Amino acid sequence: MSGKDETKSVKIRTEAEIRAERLAKTLRDNLQRRKQQARARRAGEADETTGLPAGTSAAKKDESDD
């Protein structure tokens, strides 16, 4: 009977638990990304984001006006 008890003690992950873990990971990643951006702004370094750069066309126009 101890063999059956051992199999029952194995945790079965439900869809809700899997979704909650995925959400928690996404939130942690987002927080780390925002912290990195804040540090970069304080240090005066460029943001090294992986998304689309904001305002690149406006920056190019400003440089060409000089």
PDB file of N, CA and C in Angstrom:
ATOM      1  N   MET A   1       0.802  -1.191   0.000  1.00  0.00           N
ATOM      2  CA  MET A   1       0.000   0.000   0.000  1.00  0.00           C
ATOM      3  C   MET A   1       0.849   1.260   0.000  1.00  0.00           C
ATOM      4  N   SER A   2       2.084   1.175   0.453  1.00  0.00           N
ATOM      5  CA  SER A   2       2.911   2.367   0.501  1.00  0.00           C
ATOM      6  C   SER A   2       3.208   2.871  -0.912  1.00  0.00           C
ATOM      7  N   GLY A   3       3.237   1.985  -1.905  1.00  0.00           N
ATOM      8  CA  GLY A   3       3.456   2.401  -3.289  1.00  0.00           C
ATOM      9  C   GLY A   3       2.336   3.298  -3.777  1.00  0.00           C
ATOM     10  N   LYS A   4       1.104   2.980  -3.412  1.00  0.00           N
ATOM     11  CA  LYS A   4      -0.033   3.809  -3.816  1.00  0.00           C
ATOM     12  C   LYS A   4      -0.001   5.165  -3.114  1.00  0.00           C
ATOM     13  N   ASP A   5       0.419   5.164  -1.848  1.00  0.00           N
ATOM     14  CA  ASP A   5       0.507   6.414  -1.105  1.00  0.00           C
ATOM     15  C   ASP A   5       1.545   7.343  -1.722  1.00  0.00           C
ATOM     16  N   GLU A   6       2.644   6.782  -2.199  1.00  0.00           N
ATOM     17  CA  GLU A   6       3.696   7.592  -2.810  1.00  0.00           C
ATOM     18  C   GLU A   6       3.191   8.254  -4.091  1.00  0.00           C
ATOM     19  N   THR A   7       2.411   7.548  -4.883  1.00  0.00           N
ATOM     20  CA  THR A   7       1.912   8.135  -6.122  1.00  0.00           C
ATOM     21  C   THR A   7       0.897   9.225  -5.847  1.00  0.00           C
ATOM     22  N   LYS A   8       0.149   9.098  -4.755  1.00  0.00           N
ATOM     23  CA  LYS A   8      -0.819  10.128  -4.400  1.00  0.00           C
ATOM     24  C   LYS A   8      -0.120  11.388  -3.898  1.00  0.00           C
ATOM     25  N   SER A   9       1.078  11.233  -3.320  1.00  0.00           N
ATOM     26  CA  SER A   9       1.792  12.385  -2.785  1.00  0.00           C
ATOM     27  C   SER A   9       2.417  13.242  -3.896  1.00  0.00           C
ATOM     28  N   VAL A  10       2.507  12.692  -5.102  1.00  0.00           N
ATOM     29  CA  VAL A  10       3.029  13.463  -6.220  1.00  0.00           C
ATOM     30  C   VAL A  10       2.009  14.537  -6.571  1.00  0.00           C
ATOM     31  N   LYS A  11       2.473  15.772  -6.633  1.00  0.00           N
ATOM     32  CA  LYS A  11       1.562  16.886  -6.872  1.00  0.00           C
ATOM     33  C   LYS A  11       1.177  16.944  -8.345  1.00  0.00           C
ATOM     34  N   ILE A  12      -0.089  16.974  -8.601  1.00  0.00           N
ATOM     35  CA  ILE A  12      -0.598  17.109  -9.958  1.00  0.00           C
ATOM     36  C   ILE A  12      -0.890  18.580 -10.185  1.00  0.00           C
ATOM     37  N   ARG A  13      -0.235  19.149 -11.194  1.00  0.00           N
ATOM     38  CA  ARG A  13      -0.406  20.578 -11.473  1.00  0.00           C
ATOM     39  C   ARG A  13      -1.652  20.795 -12.313  1.00  0.00           C
ATOM     40  N   THR A  14      -2.487  21.683 -11.858  1.00  0.00           N
ATOM     41  CA  THR A  14      -3.704  21.997 -12.590  1.00  0.00           C
ATOM     42  C   THR A  14      -3.417  23.118 -13.586  1.00  0.00           C
ATOM     43  N   GLU A  15      -4.348  23.353 -14.470  1.00  0.00           N
ATOM     44  CA  GLU A  15      -4.218  24.428 -15.458  1.00  0.00           C
ATOM     45  C   GLU A  15      -4.062  25.774 -14.767  1.00  0.00           C
ATOM     46  N   ALA A  16      -4.810  25.976 -13.682  1.00  0.00           N
ATOM     47  CA  ALA A  16      -4.745  27.248 -12.953  1.00  0.00           C
ATOM     48  C   ALA A  16      -3.358  27.460 -12.345  1.00  0.00           C
ATOM     49  N   GLU A  17      -2.753  26.395 -11.810  1.00  0.00           N
ATOM     50  CA  GLU A  17      -1.420  26.513 -11.226  1.00  0.00           C
ATOM     51  C   GLU A  17      -0.382  26.814 -12.296  1.00  0.00           C
ATOM     52  N   ILE A  18      -0.504  26.158 -13.446  1.00  0.00           N
ATOM     53  CA  ILE A  18       0.427  26.397 -14.550  1.00  0.00           C
ATOM     54  C   ILE A  18       0.303  27.833 -15.029  1.00  0.00           C
ATOM     55  N   ARG A  19      -0.921  28.302 -15.149  1.00  0.00           N
ATOM     56  CA  ARG A  19      -1.159  29.673 -15.596  1.00  0.00           C
ATOM     57  C   ARG A  19      -0.612  30.683 -14.579  1.00  0.00           C
ATOM     58  N   ALA A  20      -0.820  30.404 -13.285  1.00  0.00           N
ATOM     59  CA  ALA A  20      -0.325  31.302 -12.235  1.00  0.00           C
ATOM     60  C   ALA A  20       1.200  31.364 -12.244  1.00  0.00           C
ATOM     61  N   GLU A  21       1.851  30.222 -12.458  1.00  0.00           N
ATOM     62  CA  GLU A  21       3.316  30.203 -12.528  1.00  0.00           C
ATOM     63  C   GLU A  21       3.812  30.994 -13.736  1.00  0.00           C
ATOM     64  N   ARG A  22       3.136  30.841 -14.854  1.00  0.00           N
ATOM     65  CA  ARG A  22       3.513  31.571 -16.071  1.00  0.00           C
ATOM     66  C   ARG A  22       3.334  33.077 -15.872  1.00  0.00           C
ATOM     67  N   LEU A  23       2.247  33.470 -15.236  1.00  0.00           N
ATOM     68  CA  LEU A  23       1.991  34.875 -14.951  1.00  0.00           C
ATOM     69  C   LEU A  23       3.046  35.434 -13.991  1.00  0.00           C
ATOM     70  N   ALA A  24       3.391  34.676 -12.974  1.00  0.00           N
ATOM     71  CA  ALA A  24       4.400  35.121 -12.012  1.00  0.00           C
ATOM     72  C   ALA A  24       5.747  35.327 -12.697  1.00  0.00           C
ATOM     73  N   LYS A  25       6.108  34.421 -13.598  1.00  0.00           N
ATOM     74  CA  LYS A  25       7.374  34.561 -14.327  1.00  0.00           C
ATOM     75  C   LYS A  25       7.347  35.804 -15.208  1.00  0.00           C
ATOM     76  N   THR A  26       6.239  36.047 -15.873  1.00  0.00           N
ATOM     77  CA  THR A  26       6.110  37.230 -16.728  1.00  0.00           C
ATOM     78  C   THR A  26       6.235  38.506 -15.904  1.00  0.00           C
ATOM     79  N   LEU A  27       5.604  38.532 -14.742  1.00  0.00           N
ATOM     80  CA  LEU A  27       5.685  39.704 -13.876  1.00  0.00           C
ATOM     81  C   LEU A  27       7.104  39.930 -13.359  1.00  0.00           C
ATOM     82  N   ARG A  28       7.797  38.839 -12.998  1.00  0.00           N
ATOM     83  CA  ARG A  28       9.194  38.969 -12.546  1.00  0.00           C
ATOM     84  C   ARG A  28      10.072  39.516 -13.658  1.00  0.00           C
ATOM     85  N   ASP A  29       9.906  38.986 -14.873  1.00  0.00           N
ATOM     86  CA  ASP A  29      10.697  39.456 -16.013  1.00  0.00           C
ATOM     87  C   ASP A  29      10.438  40.925 -16.293  1.00  0.00           C
ATOM     88  N   ASN A  30       9.174  41.333 -16.216  1.00  0.00           N
ATOM     89  CA  ASN A  30       8.803  42.719 -16.456  1.00  0.00           C
ATOM     90  C   ASN A  30       9.435  43.634 -15.394  1.00  0.00           C
ATOM     91  N   LEU A  31       9.393  43.220 -14.145  1.00  0.00           N
ATOM     92  CA  LEU A  31       9.981  44.015 -13.075  1.00  0.00           C
ATOM     93  C   LEU A  31      11.487  44.164 -13.277  1.00  0.00           C
ATOM     94  N   GLN A  32      12.168  43.083 -13.620  1.00  0.00           N
ATOM     95  CA  GLN A  32      13.609  43.160 -13.851  1.00  0.00           C
ATOM     96  C   GLN A  32      13.933  44.073 -15.020  1.00  0.00           C
ATOM     97  N   ARG A  33      13.136  44.033 -16.075  1.00  0.00           N
ATOM     98  CA  ARG A  33      13.347  44.892 -17.233  1.00  0.00           C
ATOM     99  C   ARG A  33      13.174  46.362 -16.857  1.00  0.00           C
ATOM    100  N   ARG A  34      12.141  46.665 -16.075  1.00  0.00           N
ATOM    101  CA  ARG A  34      11.917  48.052 -15.651  1.00  0.00           C
ATOM    102  C   ARG A  34      13.026  48.536 -14.733  1.00  0.00           C
ATOM    103  N   LYS A  35      13.522  47.675 -13.852  1.00  0.00           N
ATOM    104  CA  LYS A  35      14.632  48.053 -12.981  1.00  0.00           C
ATOM    105  C   LYS A  35      15.884  48.342 -13.802  1.00  0.00           C
ATOM    106  N   GLN A  36      16.142  47.520 -14.802  1.00  0.00           N
ATOM    107  CA  GLN A  36      17.302  47.720 -15.664  1.00  0.00           C
ATOM    108  C   GLN A  36      17.183  49.047 -16.414  1.00  0.00           C
ATOM    109  N   GLN A  37      16.000  49.366 -16.902  1.00  0.00           N
ATOM    110  CA  GLN A  37      15.788  50.629 -17.599  1.00  0.00           C
ATOM    111  C   GLN A  37      16.005  51.809 -16.661  1.00  0.00           C
ATOM    112  N   ALA A  38      15.529  51.709 -15.433  1.00  0.00           N
ATOM    113  CA  ALA A  38      15.700  52.787 -14.461  1.00  0.00           C
ATOM    114  C   ALA A  38      17.175  52.980 -14.134  1.00  0.00           C
ATOM    115  N   ARG A  39      17.911  51.879 -13.976  1.00  0.00           N
ATOM    116  CA  ARG A  39      19.347  51.983 -13.711  1.00  0.00           C
ATOM    117  C   ARG A  39      20.071  52.641 -14.875  1.00  0.00           C
ATOM    118  N   ALA A  40      19.682  52.275 -16.081  1.00  0.00           N
ATOM    119  CA  ALA A  40      20.319  52.843 -17.267  1.00  0.00           C
ATOM    120  C   ALA A  40      20.048  54.340 -17.356  1.00  0.00           C
ATOM    121  N   ARG A  41      18.860  54.769 -17.007  1.00  0.00           N
ATOM    122  CA  ARG A  41      18.534  56.198 -17.044  1.00  0.00           C
ATOM    123  C   ARG A  41      19.343  56.963 -16.005  1.00  0.00           C
ATOM    124  N   ARG A  42      19.499  56.389 -14.810  1.00  0.00           N
ATOM    125  CA  ARG A  42      20.282  57.054 -13.759  1.00  0.00           C
ATOM    126  C   ARG A  42      21.741  57.173 -14.179  1.00  0.00           C
ATOM    127  N   ALA A  43      22.259  56.145 -14.829  1.00  0.00           N
ATOM    128  CA  ALA A  43      23.663  56.128 -15.219  1.00  0.00           C
ATOM    129  C   ALA A  43      23.897  56.929 -16.496  1.00  0.00           C
ATOM    130  N   GLY A  44      22.837  57.320 -17.166  1.00  0.00           N
ATOM    131  CA  GLY A  44      22.977  58.074 -18.399  1.00  0.00           C
ATOM    132  C   GLY A  44      23.302  57.208 -19.596  1.00  0.00           C
ATOM    133  N   GLU A  45      23.140  55.907 -19.470  1.00  0.00           N
ATOM    134  CA  GLU A  45      23.420  54.996 -20.567  1.00  0.00           C
ATOM    135  C   GLU A  45      22.172  54.821 -21.427  1.00  0.00           C
ATOM    136  N   ALA A  46      22.356  54.327 -22.619  1.00  0.00           N
ATOM    137  CA  ALA A  46      21.232  54.073 -23.518  1.00  0.00           C
ATOM    138  C   ALA A  46      20.456  52.848 -23.045  1.00  0.00           C
ATOM    139  N   ASP A  47      19.144  52.899 -23.246  1.00  0.00           N
ATOM    140  CA  ASP A  47      18.307  51.733 -22.960  1.00  0.00           C
ATOM    141  C   ASP A  47      18.607  50.650 -23.979  1.00  0.00           C
ATOM    142  N   GLU A  48      18.780  49.445 -23.510  1.00  0.00           N
ATOM    143  CA  GLU A  48      19.007  48.333 -24.420  1.00  0.00           C
ATOM    144  C   GLU A  48      17.776  47.448 -24.431  1.00  0.00           C
ATOM    145  N   THR A  49      16.663  48.016 -24.872  1.00  0.00           N
ATOM    146  CA  THR A  49      15.417  47.271 -24.922  1.00  0.00           C
ATOM    147  C   THR A  49      15.400  46.402 -26.165  1.00  0.00           C
ATOM    148  N   THR A  50      14.583  45.381 -26.136  1.00  0.00           N
ATOM    149  CA  THR A  50      14.489  44.477 -27.268  1.00  0.00           C
ATOM    150  C   THR A  50      13.331  44.837 -28.187  1.00  0.00           C
ATOM    151  N   GLY A  51      12.494  45.759 -27.766  1.00  0.00           N
ATOM    152  CA  GLY A  51      11.328  46.147 -28.564  1.00  0.00           C
ATOM    153  C   GLY A  51      11.682  47.222 -29.575  1.00  0.00           C
ATOM    154  N   LEU A  52      10.656  47.814 -30.148  1.00  0.00           N
ATOM    155  CA  LEU A  52      10.856  48.886 -31.103  1.00  0.00           C
ATOM    156  C   LEU A  52      11.353  50.132 -30.381  1.00  0.00           C
ATOM    157  N   PRO A  53      12.367  50.774 -30.912  1.00  0.00           N
ATOM    158  CA  PRO A  53      12.854  51.992 -30.270  1.00  0.00           C
ATOM    159  C   PRO A  53      11.840  53.118 -30.419  1.00  0.00           C
ATOM    160  N   ALA A  54      11.649  53.875 -29.390  1.00  0.00           N
ATOM    161  CA  ALA A  54      10.662  54.952 -29.402  1.00  0.00           C
ATOM    162  C   ALA A  54      11.276  56.210 -29.991  1.00  0.00           C
ATOM    163  N   GLY A  55      10.573  56.808 -30.938  1.00  0.00           N
ATOM    164  CA  GLY A  55      10.959  58.107 -31.464  1.00  0.00           C
ATOM    165  C   GLY A  55      12.211  58.138 -32.300  1.00  0.00           C
ATOM    166  N   THR A  56      12.569  57.070 -32.956  1.00  0.00           N
ATOM    167  CA  THR A  56      13.797  57.096 -33.754  1.00  0.00           C
ATOM    168  C   THR A  56      13.660  58.016 -34.956  1.00  0.00           C
ATOM    169  N   SER A  57      12.497  58.085 -35.555  1.00  0.00           N
ATOM    170  CA  SER A  57      12.327  58.957 -36.711  1.00  0.00           C
ATOM    171  C   SER A  57      12.435  60.421 -36.298  1.00  0.00           C
ATOM    172  N   ALA A  58      11.936  60.778 -35.122  1.00  0.00           N
ATOM    173  CA  ALA A  58      12.039  62.151 -34.627  1.00  0.00           C
ATOM    174  C   ALA A  58      13.490  62.490 -34.310  1.00  0.00           C
ATOM    175  N   ALA A  59      14.223  61.530 -33.774  1.00  0.00           N
ATOM    176  CA  ALA A  59      15.619  61.774 -33.444  1.00  0.00           C
ATOM    177  C   ALA A  59      16.436  61.982 -34.718  1.00  0.00           C
ATOM    178  N   LYS A  60      16.144  61.241 -35.760  1.00  0.00           N
ATOM    179  CA  LYS A  60      16.864  61.393 -37.033  1.00  0.00           C
ATOM    180  C   LYS A  60      16.583  62.760 -37.659  1.00  0.00           C
ATOM    181  N   LYS A  61      15.348  63.218 -37.556  1.00  0.00           N
ATOM    182  CA  LYS A  61      15.004  64.526 -38.101  1.00  0.00           C
ATOM    183  C   LYS A  61      15.747  65.630 -37.354  1.00  0.00           C
ATOM    184  N   ASP A  62      15.858  65.512 -36.021  1.00  0.00           N
ATOM    185  CA  ASP A  62      16.561  66.500 -35.228  1.00  0.00           C
ATOM    186  C   ASP A  62      18.038  66.547 -35.578  1.00  0.00           C
ATOM    187  N   GLU A  63      18.631  65.395 -35.828  1.00  0.00           N
ATOM    188  CA  GLU A  63      20.052  65.346 -36.167  1.00  0.00           C
ATOM    189  C   GLU A  63      20.303  65.948 -37.544  1.00  0.00           C
ATOM    190  N   SER A  64      19.375  65.738 -38.467  1.00  0.00           N
ATOM    191  CA  SER A  64      19.574  66.245 -39.822  1.00  0.00           C
ATOM    192  C   SER A  64      19.395  67.761 -39.895  1.00  0.00           C
ATOM    193  N   ASP A  65      18.697  68.350 -38.915  1.00  0.00           N
ATOM    194  CA  ASP A  65      18.486  69.795 -38.897  1.00  0.00           C
ATOM    195  C   ASP A  65      19.757  70.544 -38.526  1.00  0.00           C
ATOM    196  N   ASP A  66      20.692  69.895 -37.841  1.00  0.00           N
ATOM    197  CA  ASP A  66      21.923  70.561 -37.384  1.00  0.00           C
ATOM    198  C   ASP A  66      22.820  70.903 -38.488  1.00  0.00           C
TER     199      ASP A  66
END
